[in-house]
PDB file of N, CA and C in Angstrom:
ATOM      1  N   UNK A   1    -141.411  45.851  17.503  1.00  0.00           N
ATOM      2  CA  UNK A   1    -141.215  46.905  16.301  1.00  0.00           C
ATOM      3  C   UNK A   1    -142.392  45.372  15.222  1.00  0.00           C
ATOM      4  N   UNK A   2    -143.017  46.575  14.803  1.00  0.00           N
ATOM      5  CA  UNK A   2    -144.269  45.557  13.950  1.00  0.00           C
ATOM      6  C   UNK A   2    -143.871  44.742  12.964  1.00  0.00           C
ATOM      7  N   UNK A   3    -144.231  43.763  12.554  1.00  0.00           N
ATOM      8  CA  UNK A   3    -143.795  42.873  11.453  1.00  0.00           C
ATOM      9  C   UNK A   3    -144.441  43.425  10.443  1.00  0.00           C
ATOM     10  N   UNK A   4    -144.322  43.962  10.179  1.00  0.00           N
ATOM     11  CA  UNK A   4    -144.454  44.538   8.679  1.00  0.00           C
ATOM     12  C   UNK A   4    -143.718  43.682   7.268  1.00  0.00           C
ATOM     13  N   UNK A   5    -144.295  43.616   6.057  1.00  0.00           N
ATOM     14  CA  UNK A   5    -144.056  43.071   5.169  1.00  0.00           C
ATOM     15  C   UNK A   5    -142.792  43.329   5.233  1.00  0.00           C
ATOM     16  N   UNK A   6    -142.274  44.555   5.571  1.00  0.00           N
ATOM     17  CA  UNK A   6    -140.864  44.526   4.622  1.00  0.00           C
ATOM     18  C   UNK A   6    -139.893  44.360   5.828  1.00  0.00           C
ATOM     19  N   UNK A   7    -140.584  44.527   7.154  1.00  0.00           N
ATOM     20  CA  UNK A   7    -139.656  43.619   8.146  1.00  0.00           C
ATOM     21  C   UNK A   7    -139.935  42.341   7.914  1.00  0.00           C
ATOM     22  N   UNK A   8    -140.668  41.576   7.740  1.00  0.00           N
ATOM     23  CA  UNK A   8    -140.449  40.092   7.727  1.00  0.00           C
ATOM     24  C   UNK A   8    -139.882  39.773   6.441  1.00  0.00           C
ATOM     25  N   UNK A   9    -139.346  40.532   5.106  1.00  0.00           N
ATOM     26  CA  UNK A   9    -138.836  40.303   4.090  1.00  0.00           C
ATOM     27  C   UNK A   9    -137.226  40.622   4.759  1.00  0.00           C
ATOM     28  N   UNK A  10    -136.907  41.642   5.500  1.00  0.00           N
ATOM     29  CA  UNK A  10    -135.586  42.031   6.165  1.00  0.00           C
ATOM     30  C   UNK A  10    -134.888  40.784   6.784  1.00  0.00           C
ATOM     31  N   UNK A  11    -135.879  40.041   8.216  1.00  0.00           N
ATOM     32  CA  UNK A  11    -135.639  39.262   8.928  1.00  0.00           C
ATOM     33  C   UNK A  11    -135.530  37.806   7.909  1.00  0.00           C
ATOM     34  N   UNK A  12    -136.173  37.692   7.038  1.00  0.00           N
ATOM     35  CA  UNK A  12    -135.298  36.599   6.447  1.00  0.00           C
ATOM     36  C   UNK A  12    -134.394  36.578   5.513  1.00  0.00           C
ATOM     37  N   UNK A  13    -134.172  38.145   5.120  1.00  0.00           N
ATOM     38  CA  UNK A  13    -132.542  38.234   4.069  1.00  0.00           C
ATOM     39  C   UNK A  13    -131.788  37.890   5.507  1.00  0.00           C
ATOM     40  N   UNK A  14    -131.891  38.436   6.341  1.00  0.00           N
ATOM     41  CA  UNK A  14    -130.439  38.700   7.313  1.00  0.00           C
ATOM     42  C   UNK A  14    -130.728  37.276   8.008  1.00  0.00           C
ATOM     43  N   UNK A  15    -131.600  36.384   8.580  1.00  0.00           N
ATOM     44  CA  UNK A  15    -131.000  35.190   8.839  1.00  0.00           C
ATOM     45  C   UNK A  15    -130.814  34.286   7.467  1.00  0.00           C
ATOM     46  N   UNK A  16    -130.944  34.408   6.358  1.00  0.00           N
ATOM     47  CA  UNK A  16    -130.101  33.818   5.604  1.00  0.00           C
ATOM     48  C   UNK A  16    -128.827  34.289   5.015  1.00  0.00           C
ATOM     49  N   UNK A  17    -128.858  35.264   5.219  1.00  0.00           N
ATOM     50  CA  UNK A  17    -127.361  35.533   5.522  1.00  0.00           C
ATOM     51  C   UNK A  17    -126.577  35.129   6.717  1.00  0.00           C
ATOM     52  N   UNK A  18    -127.158  35.229   7.419  1.00  0.00           N
ATOM     53  CA  UNK A  18    -126.021  35.190   8.827  1.00  0.00           C
ATOM     54  C   UNK A  18    -125.659  33.172   8.693  1.00  0.00           C
ATOM     55  N   UNK A  19    -126.808  32.531   8.061  1.00  0.00           N
ATOM     56  CA  UNK A  19    -126.677  30.658   8.045  1.00  0.00           C
ATOM     57  C   UNK A  19    -125.762  30.872   6.785  1.00  0.00           C
ATOM     58  N   UNK A  20    -125.541  31.623   5.366  1.00  0.00           N
ATOM     59  CA  UNK A  20    -124.559  31.328   5.032  1.00  0.00           C
ATOM     60  C   UNK A  20    -122.991  31.913   5.615  1.00  0.00           C
ATOM     61  N   UNK A  21    -123.131  33.155   6.291  1.00  0.00           N
ATOM     62  CA  UNK A  21    -121.956  33.572   6.779  1.00  0.00           C
ATOM     63  C   UNK A  21    -120.887  32.175   7.829  1.00  0.00           C
ATOM     64  N   UNK A  22    -121.989  31.260   8.642  1.00  0.00           N
ATOM     65  CA  UNK A  22    -122.133  29.978   9.217  1.00  0.00           C
ATOM     66  C   UNK A  22    -121.484  29.407   8.479  1.00  0.00           C
ATOM     67  N   UNK A  23    -121.819  28.897   7.384  1.00  0.00           N
ATOM     68  CA  UNK A  23    -121.556  28.121   6.295  1.00  0.00           C
ATOM     69  C   UNK A  23    -119.705  28.492   5.540  1.00  0.00           C
ATOM     70  N   UNK A  24    -119.644  29.796   5.639  1.00  0.00           N
ATOM     71  CA  UNK A  24    -118.078  30.370   5.120  1.00  0.00           C
ATOM     72  C   UNK A  24    -117.380  29.962   6.220  1.00  0.00           C
ATOM     73  N   UNK A  25    -117.715  30.216   6.899  1.00  0.00           N
ATOM     74  CA  UNK A  25    -116.684  30.229   8.508  1.00  0.00           C
ATOM     75  C   UNK A  25    -116.525  28.539   8.567  1.00  0.00           C
ATOM     76  N   UNK A  26    -117.319  27.991   8.774  1.00  0.00           N
ATOM     77  CA  UNK A  26    -117.507  26.327   8.259  1.00  0.00           C
ATOM     78  C   UNK A  26    -116.264  25.933   7.612  1.00  0.00           C
ATOM     79  N   UNK A  27    -116.298  26.530   6.302  1.00  0.00           N
ATOM     80  CA  UNK A  27    -115.320  26.252   5.302  1.00  0.00           C
ATOM     81  C   UNK A  27    -113.711  26.628   5.867  1.00  0.00           C
ATOM     82  N   UNK A  28    -113.791  27.891   6.369  1.00  0.00           N
ATOM     83  CA  UNK A  28    -112.618  28.274   6.907  1.00  0.00           C
ATOM     84  C   UNK A  28    -112.062  27.696   8.031  1.00  0.00           C
ATOM     85  N   UNK A  29    -112.750  26.987   8.971  1.00  0.00           N
ATOM     86  CA  UNK A  29    -112.368  26.344   9.665  1.00  0.00           C
ATOM     87  C   UNK A  29    -112.006  24.474   8.973  1.00  0.00           C
ATOM     88  N   UNK A  30    -111.783  24.701   7.902  1.00  0.00           N
ATOM     89  CA  UNK A  30    -111.263  23.369   7.281  1.00  0.00           C
ATOM     90  C   UNK A  30    -112.179  22.355   7.503  1.00  0.00           C
ATOM     91  N   UNK A  31    -113.624  22.691   7.642  1.00  0.00           N
ATOM     92  CA  UNK A  31    -114.426  21.502   7.715  1.00  0.00           C
ATOM     93  C   UNK A  31    -115.392  21.847   6.806  1.00  0.00           C
ATOM     94  N   UNK A  32    -114.976  20.455   5.715  1.00  0.00           N
ATOM     95  CA  UNK A  32    -115.560  20.511   4.307  1.00  0.00           C
ATOM     96  C   UNK A  32    -116.592  19.585   4.231  1.00  0.00           C
ATOM     97  N   UNK A  33    -117.349  19.826   3.892  1.00  0.00           N
ATOM     98  CA  UNK A  33    -119.116  18.786   3.422  1.00  0.00           C
ATOM     99  C   UNK A  33    -119.733  19.158   2.463  1.00  0.00           C
ATOM    100  N   UNK A  34    -119.703  18.224   1.542  1.00  0.00           N
ATOM    101  CA  UNK A  34    -120.547  18.121   0.111  1.00  0.00           C
ATOM    102  C   UNK A  34    -121.900  18.874   0.279  1.00  0.00           C
ATOM    103  N   UNK A  35    -122.422  19.132   1.248  1.00  0.00           N
ATOM    104  CA  UNK A  35    -123.965  19.945   1.910  1.00  0.00           C
ATOM    105  C   UNK A  35    -123.658  21.131   1.913  1.00  0.00           C
ATOM    106  N   UNK A  36    -122.214  21.761   2.193  1.00  0.00           N
ATOM    107  CA  UNK A  36    -122.386  23.194   2.202  1.00  0.00           C
ATOM    108  C   UNK A  36    -122.322  23.972   0.971  1.00  0.00           C
ATOM    109  N   UNK A  37    -122.847  24.920   1.425  1.00  0.00           N
ATOM    110  CA  UNK A  37    -122.841  25.599  -0.289  1.00  0.00           C
ATOM    111  C   UNK A  37    -122.741  27.514   0.476  1.00  0.00           C
ATOM    112  N   UNK A  38    -121.740  28.036  -0.314  1.00  0.00           N
ATOM    113  CA  UNK A  38    -121.540  29.558   0.204  1.00  0.00           C
ATOM    114  C   UNK A  38    -121.376  30.327  -1.227  1.00  0.00           C
ATOM    115  N   UNK A  39    -122.164  29.812  -2.230  1.00  0.00           N
ATOM    116  CA  UNK A  39    -122.566  31.042  -2.766  1.00  0.00           C
ATOM    117  C   UNK A  39    -124.350  31.237  -3.366  1.00  0.00           C
ATOM    118  N   UNK A  40    -124.087  32.069  -3.955  1.00  0.00           N
ATOM    119  CA  UNK A  40    -125.485  32.678  -4.564  1.00  0.00           C
ATOM    120  C   UNK A  40    -126.168  31.440  -5.680  1.00  0.00           C
ATOM    121  N   UNK A  41    -124.812  31.389  -6.679  1.00  0.00           N
ATOM    122  CA  UNK A  41    -124.850  30.074  -7.797  1.00  0.00           C
ATOM    123  C   UNK A  41    -125.202  29.165  -7.049  1.00  0.00           C
ATOM    124  N   UNK A  42    -124.427  28.460  -6.241  1.00  0.00           N
ATOM    125  CA  UNK A  42    -124.619  26.883  -5.278  1.00  0.00           C
ATOM    126  C   UNK A  42    -125.715  26.919  -5.032  1.00  0.00           C
ATOM    127  N   UNK A  43    -126.540  27.810  -4.055  1.00  0.00           N
ATOM    128  CA  UNK A  43    -127.454  27.598  -3.925  1.00  0.00           C
ATOM    129  C   UNK A  43    -128.512  27.199  -4.419  1.00  0.00           C
ATOM    130  N   UNK A  44    -128.693  28.274  -5.692  1.00  0.00           N
ATOM    131  CA  UNK A  44    -129.306  28.039  -6.926  1.00  0.00           C
ATOM    132  C   UNK A  44    -129.600  26.707  -7.886  1.00  0.00           C
ATOM    133  N   UNK A  45    -128.258  26.892  -7.710  1.00  0.00           N
ATOM    134  CA  UNK A  45    -128.151  24.997  -8.900  1.00  0.00           C
ATOM    135  C   UNK A  45    -128.639  24.215  -7.545  1.00  0.00           C
ATOM    136  N   UNK A  46    -128.584  24.082  -6.680  1.00  0.00           N
ATOM    137  CA  UNK A  46    -128.824  22.866  -5.606  1.00  0.00           C
ATOM    138  C   UNK A  46    -130.353  22.938  -4.708  1.00  0.00           C
ATOM    139  N   UNK A  47    -130.648  24.268  -5.176  1.00  0.00           N
ATOM    140  CA  UNK A  47    -132.124  24.378  -4.689  1.00  0.00           C
ATOM    141  C   UNK A  47    -132.954  24.367  -6.113  1.00  0.00           C
ATOM    142  N   UNK A  48    -132.415  24.335  -7.102  1.00  0.00           N
ATOM    143  CA  UNK A  48    -133.731  24.882  -8.215  1.00  0.00           C
ATOM    144  C   UNK A  48    -133.953  25.862  -8.347  1.00  0.00           C
ATOM    145  N   UNK A  49    -134.306  26.677  -7.978  1.00  0.00           N
ATOM    146  CA  UNK A  49    -134.151  28.449  -7.761  1.00  0.00           C
ATOM    147  C   UNK A  49    -133.224  29.498  -8.785  1.00  0.00           C
ATOM    148  N   UNK A  50    -133.683  29.882  -9.394  1.00  0.00           N
ATOM    149  CA  UNK A  50    -133.181  30.574 -10.401  1.00  0.00           C
ATOM    150  C   UNK A  50    -132.197  31.935  -9.116  1.00  0.00           C
ATOM    151  N   UNK A  51    -130.807  32.093  -9.736  1.00  0.00           N
ATOM    152  CA  UNK A  51    -129.476  32.814  -8.601  1.00  0.00           C
ATOM    153  C   UNK A  51    -129.914  34.237  -8.532  1.00  0.00           C
ATOM    154  N   UNK A  52    -130.870  35.145  -9.759  1.00  0.00           N
ATOM    155  CA  UNK A  52    -131.479  35.975  -9.025  1.00  0.00           C
ATOM    156  C   UNK A  52    -131.944  36.617  -8.245  1.00  0.00           C
ATOM    157  N   UNK A  53    -133.209  35.033  -8.271  1.00  0.00           N
ATOM    158  CA  UNK A  53    -134.170  34.822  -7.073  1.00  0.00           C
ATOM    159  C   UNK A  53    -133.563  34.562  -5.781  1.00  0.00           C
ATOM    160  N   UNK A  54    -132.456  33.878  -5.874  1.00  0.00           N
ATOM    161  CA  UNK A  54    -131.909  33.873  -4.497  1.00  0.00           C
ATOM    162  C   UNK A  54    -131.354  34.758  -3.855  1.00  0.00           C
ATOM    163  N   UNK A  55    -130.847  35.607  -5.275  1.00  0.00           N
ATOM    164  CA  UNK A  55    -129.934  36.917  -4.669  1.00  0.00           C
ATOM    165  C   UNK A  55    -130.689  37.858  -3.945  1.00  0.00           C
ATOM    166  N   UNK A  56    -132.158  38.215  -4.627  1.00  0.00           N
ATOM    167  CA  UNK A  56    -133.221  39.382  -4.163  1.00  0.00           C
ATOM    168  C   UNK A  56    -133.525  38.620  -3.326  1.00  0.00           C
ATOM    169  N   UNK A  57    -133.483  37.209  -2.712  1.00  0.00           N
ATOM    170  CA  UNK A  57    -134.330  36.993  -1.171  1.00  0.00           C
ATOM    171  C   UNK A  57    -133.173  37.131  -0.421  1.00  0.00           C
ATOM    172  N   UNK A  58    -131.925  37.482  -1.039  1.00  0.00           N
ATOM    173  CA  UNK A  58    -130.881  37.665   0.265  1.00  0.00           C
ATOM    174  C   UNK A  58    -130.627  39.357   0.336  1.00  0.00           C
ATOM    175  N   UNK A  59    -131.072  39.525  -0.327  1.00  0.00           N
ATOM    176  CA  UNK A  59    -130.909  41.314  -0.269  1.00  0.00           C
ATOM    177  C   UNK A  59    -132.261  41.845   0.159  1.00  0.00           C
ATOM    178  N   UNK A  60    -133.046  40.975   0.785  1.00  0.00           N
ATOM    179  CA  UNK A  60    -134.936  41.532   0.670  1.00  0.00           C
ATOM    180  C   UNK A  60    -135.413  42.780  -0.274  1.00  0.00           C
ATOM    181  N   UNK A  61    -135.104  42.247  -1.478  1.00  0.00           N
ATOM    182  CA  UNK A  61    -135.418  42.762  -2.825  1.00  0.00           C
ATOM    183  C   UNK A  61    -137.238  42.171  -3.188  1.00  0.00           C
ATOM    184  N   UNK A  62    -137.489  40.899  -2.529  1.00  0.00           N
ATOM    185  CA  UNK A  62    -138.490  40.219  -3.329  1.00  0.00           C
ATOM    186  C   UNK A  62    -138.283  38.876  -1.705  1.00  0.00           C
ATOM    187  N   UNK A  63    -139.766  38.640  -2.130  1.00  0.00           N
ATOM    188  CA  UNK A  63    -140.720  38.219  -0.966  1.00  0.00           C
ATOM    189  C   UNK A  63    -140.379  36.615  -1.261  1.00  0.00           C
ATOM    190  N   UNK A  64    -139.908  35.500  -0.258  1.00  0.00           N
ATOM    191  CA  UNK A  64    -140.105  34.219  -0.860  1.00  0.00           C
ATOM    192  C   UNK A  64    -141.169  33.654  -0.570  1.00  0.00           C
ATOM    193  N   UNK A  65    -141.618  32.622  -1.183  1.00  0.00           N
ATOM    194  CA  UNK A  65    -142.603  32.166  -0.795  1.00  0.00           C
ATOM    195  C   UNK A  65    -141.973  31.104  -0.193  1.00  0.00           C
ATOM    196  N   UNK A  66    -142.969  29.957   0.235  1.00  0.00           N
ATOM    197  CA  UNK A  66    -142.805  28.981   1.461  1.00  0.00           C
ATOM    198  C   UNK A  66    -141.717  28.256   0.669  1.00  0.00           C
ATOM    199  N   UNK A  67    -142.113  27.367  -0.476  1.00  0.00           N
ATOM    200  CA  UNK A  67    -141.574  26.829  -0.920  1.00  0.00           C
ATOM    201  C   UNK A  67    -139.957  26.807  -1.260  1.00  0.00           C
ATOM    202  N   UNK A  68    -140.082  28.074  -1.787  1.00  0.00           N
ATOM    203  CA  UNK A  68    -138.843  28.553  -2.133  1.00  0.00           C
ATOM    204  C   UNK A  68    -137.851  28.811  -1.417  1.00  0.00           C
ATOM    205  N   UNK A  69    -138.472  29.280   0.183  1.00  0.00           N
ATOM    206  CA  UNK A  69    -137.168  29.181   1.052  1.00  0.00           C
ATOM    207  C   UNK A  69    -136.992  28.221   1.892  1.00  0.00           C
ATOM    208  N   UNK A  70    -137.741  27.200   1.364  1.00  0.00           N
ATOM    209  CA  UNK A  70    -137.646  25.997   2.265  1.00  0.00           C
ATOM    210  C   UNK A  70    -136.382  25.167   1.174  1.00  0.00           C
ATOM    211  N   UNK A  71    -136.624  25.374   0.237  1.00  0.00           N
ATOM    212  CA  UNK A  71    -135.368  25.179  -0.847  1.00  0.00           C
ATOM    213  C   UNK A  71    -134.362  25.603  -0.559  1.00  0.00           C
ATOM    214  N   UNK A  72    -134.049  27.065  -0.396  1.00  0.00           N
ATOM    215  CA  UNK A  72    -133.154  27.814  -0.451  1.00  0.00           C
ATOM    216  C   UNK A  72    -132.139  27.039   1.203  1.00  0.00           C
ATOM    217  N   UNK A  73    -133.298  26.753   1.959  1.00  0.00           N
ATOM    218  CA  UNK A  73    -132.596  26.709   3.350  1.00  0.00           C
ATOM    219  C   UNK A  73    -131.876  25.051   3.329  1.00  0.00           C
ATOM    220  N   UNK A  74    -132.684  24.221   2.596  1.00  0.00           N
ATOM    221  CA  UNK A  74    -132.089  22.823   2.551  1.00  0.00           C
ATOM    222  C   UNK A  74    -131.060  22.950   1.455  1.00  0.00           C
ATOM    223  N   UNK A  75    -130.705  23.918   0.665  1.00  0.00           N
ATOM    224  CA  UNK A  75    -129.766  23.837  -0.266  1.00  0.00           C
ATOM    225  C   UNK A  75    -128.582  24.279   0.231  1.00  0.00           C
ATOM    226  N   UNK A  76    -128.807  24.990   1.520  1.00  0.00           N
ATOM    227  CA  UNK A  76    -127.654  25.495   2.484  1.00  0.00           C
ATOM    228  C   UNK A  76    -126.693  24.267   3.168  1.00  0.00           C
ATOM    229  N   UNK A  77    -127.440  23.598   3.190  1.00  0.00           N
ATOM    230  CA  UNK A  77    -127.388  22.215   4.442  1.00  0.00           C
ATOM    231  C   UNK A  77    -127.981  22.601   5.346  1.00  0.00           C
ATOM    232  N   UNK A  78    -128.486  23.359   6.078  1.00  0.00           N
ATOM    233  CA  UNK A  78    -129.532  23.538   7.307  1.00  0.00           C
ATOM    234  C   UNK A  78    -131.122  23.407   6.882  1.00  0.00           C
ATOM    235  N   UNK A  79    -131.577  22.811   8.529  1.00  0.00           N
ATOM    236  CA  UNK A  79    -133.008  22.340   8.136  1.00  0.00           C
ATOM    237  C   UNK A  79    -133.598  23.965   9.166  1.00  0.00           C
ATOM    238  N   UNK A  80    -135.315  23.650   8.769  1.00  0.00           N
ATOM    239  CA  UNK A  80    -135.913  25.049   9.203  1.00  0.00           C
ATOM    240  C   UNK A  80    -135.806  25.413  10.457  1.00  0.00           C
ATOM    241  N   UNK A  81    -135.436  24.487  11.515  1.00  0.00           N
ATOM    242  CA  UNK A  81    -135.496  25.257  12.695  1.00  0.00           C
ATOM    243  C   UNK A  81    -134.183  25.691  13.041  1.00  0.00           C
ATOM    244  N   UNK A  82    -133.063  25.704  11.938  1.00  0.00           N
ATOM    245  CA  UNK A  82    -131.665  26.326  12.102  1.00  0.00           C
ATOM    246  C   UNK A  82    -131.770  27.524  11.583  1.00  0.00           C
ATOM    247  N   UNK A  83    -132.654  27.904  10.823  1.00  0.00           N
ATOM    248  CA  UNK A  83    -133.400  28.932  10.250  1.00  0.00           C
ATOM    249  C   UNK A  83    -134.318  29.864  11.446  1.00  0.00           C
ATOM    250  N   UNK A  84    -134.808  29.180  11.799  1.00  0.00           N
ATOM    251  CA  UNK A  84    -135.809  30.078  13.103  1.00  0.00           C
ATOM    252  C   UNK A  84    -135.071  30.413  13.931  1.00  0.00           C
ATOM    253  N   UNK A  85    -134.444  29.911  14.261  1.00  0.00           N
ATOM    254  CA  UNK A  85    -133.513  30.157  15.761  1.00  0.00           C
ATOM    255  C   UNK A  85    -132.643  31.472  15.365  1.00  0.00           C
ATOM    256  N   UNK A  86    -132.039  31.413  14.036  1.00  0.00           N
ATOM    257  CA  UNK A  86    -131.503  32.672  13.569  1.00  0.00           C
ATOM    258  C   UNK A  86    -132.613  34.012  13.483  1.00  0.00           C
ATOM    259  N   UNK A  87    -133.885  33.581  12.645  1.00  0.00           N
ATOM    260  CA  UNK A  87    -134.663  34.546  12.929  1.00  0.00           C
ATOM    261  C   UNK A  87    -135.622  35.206  14.179  1.00  0.00           C
ATOM    262  N   UNK A  88    -135.763  34.175  15.041  1.00  0.00           N
ATOM    263  CA  UNK A  88    -136.400  34.294  16.311  1.00  0.00           C
ATOM    264  C   UNK A  88    -135.272  35.463  17.009  1.00  0.00           C
ATOM    265  N   UNK A  89    -134.316  35.801  17.161  1.00  0.00           N
ATOM    266  CA  UNK A  89    -132.713  36.686  17.393  1.00  0.00           C
ATOM    267  C   UNK A  89    -132.711  37.571  17.119  1.00  0.00           C
ATOM    268  N   UNK A  90    -133.499  38.206  15.657  1.00  0.00           N
ATOM    269  CA  UNK A  90    -133.107  39.375  14.869  1.00  0.00           C
ATOM    270  C   UNK A  90    -133.506  40.417  15.819  1.00  0.00           C
ATOM    271  N   UNK A  91    -133.037  41.536  16.146  1.00  0.00           N
ATOM    272  CA  UNK A  91    -132.925  42.447  16.514  1.00  0.00           C
ATOM    273  C   UNK A  91    -133.399  43.996  15.875  1.00  0.00           C
ATOM    274  N   UNK A  92    -134.100  44.373  16.578  1.00  0.00           N
ATOM    275  CA  UNK A  92    -134.825  45.923  15.670  1.00  0.00           C
ATOM    276  C   UNK A  92    -133.245  46.619  15.291  1.00  0.00           C
ATOM    277  N   UNK A  93    -132.415  46.659  16.040  1.00  0.00           N
ATOM    278  CA  UNK A  93    -131.411  47.301  15.422  1.00  0.00           C
ATOM    279  C   UNK A  93    -130.822  46.822  14.782  1.00  0.00           C
ATOM    280  N   UNK A  94    -130.737  45.492  14.180  1.00  0.00           N
ATOM    281  CA  UNK A  94    -130.319  44.234  13.120  1.00  0.00           C
ATOM    282  C   UNK A  94    -131.153  45.478  11.464  1.00  0.00           C
ATOM    283  N   UNK A  95    -131.930  45.265  11.933  1.00  0.00           N
ATOM    284  CA  UNK A  95    -133.404  45.572  10.802  1.00  0.00           C
ATOM    285  C   UNK A  95    -132.845  46.934  10.292  1.00  0.00           C
ATOM    286  N   UNK A  96    -132.869  47.614  11.277  1.00  0.00           N
ATOM    287  CA  UNK A  96    -132.579  49.183  10.855  1.00  0.00           C
ATOM    288  C   UNK A  96    -131.107  49.327  10.459  1.00  0.00           C
ATOM    289  N   UNK A  97    -130.170  48.171  10.826  1.00  0.00           N
ATOM    290  CA  UNK A  97    -129.051  48.537  10.189  1.00  0.00           C
ATOM    291  C   UNK A  97    -128.907  48.196   8.737  1.00  0.00           C
ATOM    292  N   UNK A  98    -129.913  47.028   8.342  1.00  0.00           N
ATOM    293  CA  UNK A  98    -130.031  46.641   7.049  1.00  0.00           C
ATOM    294  C   UNK A  98    -130.496  47.552   6.642  1.00  0.00           C
ATOM    295  N   UNK A  99    -131.551  47.865   6.395  1.00  0.00           N
ATOM    296  CA  UNK A  99    -132.068  48.921   6.091  1.00  0.00           C
ATOM    297  C   UNK A  99    -131.341  50.113   5.540  1.00  0.00           C
ATOM    298  N   UNK A 100    -130.408  50.424   6.601  1.00  0.00           N
ATOM    299  CA  UNK A 100    -128.982  51.281   6.235  1.00  0.00           C
ATOM    300  C   UNK A 100    -128.679  51.336   5.393  1.00  0.00           C
ATOM    301  N   UNK A 101    -127.844  50.220   5.518  1.00  0.00           N
ATOM    302  CA  UNK A 101    -126.546  49.303   4.720  1.00  0.00           C
ATOM    303  C   UNK A 101    -127.299  48.824   3.142  1.00  0.00           C
ATOM    304  N   UNK A 102    -127.987  48.392   3.193  1.00  0.00           N
ATOM    305  CA  UNK A 102    -128.928  47.517   1.954  1.00  0.00           C
ATOM    306  C   UNK A 102    -129.963  47.992   1.550  1.00  0.00           C
ATOM    307  N   UNK A 103    -130.905  49.113   1.642  1.00  0.00           N
ATOM    308  CA  UNK A 103    -131.615  49.333   1.181  1.00  0.00           C
ATOM    309  C   UNK A 103    -131.439  50.988   0.450  1.00  0.00           C
ATOM    310  N   UNK A 104    -130.161  51.587   0.158  1.00  0.00           N
ATOM    311  CA  UNK A 104    -130.194  52.455  -0.442  1.00  0.00           C
ATOM    312  C   UNK A 104    -130.885  52.601  -1.398  1.00  0.00           C
ATOM    313  N   UNK A 105    -131.502  51.829  -2.368  1.00  0.00           N
ATOM    314  CA  UNK A 105    -132.029  52.151  -3.560  1.00  0.00           C
ATOM    315  C   UNK A 105    -133.419  51.757  -3.608  1.00  0.00           C
ATOM    316  N   UNK A 106    -134.163  51.561  -2.409  1.00  0.00           N
ATOM    317  CA  UNK A 106    -135.178  51.709  -2.275  1.00  0.00           C
ATOM    318  C   UNK A 106    -136.205  52.520  -1.718  1.00  0.00           C
TER     319      UNK A 106
END
């Protein structure tokens, strides 16, 4: 699949959502950590990024600049390598599914 700006935005959103889902699973398994943030508000507070910006990035409504993306990943308690592992494994069908379920307004 072609790496258009739209597809890159979607792959970033999918990757971040997978990390967020992973954090929620960790908390459900009763493994607690002060470094784990499981909501847009917590991520925004700990990354010093506006909540609306965090939400827009997670929903592929806005492109993230490198600095903002790194801050969000760190605020979630992850490293860039964790994000990149998710990003590199995203399939074309996941992108199409995201477009179908999340981009109805676009």
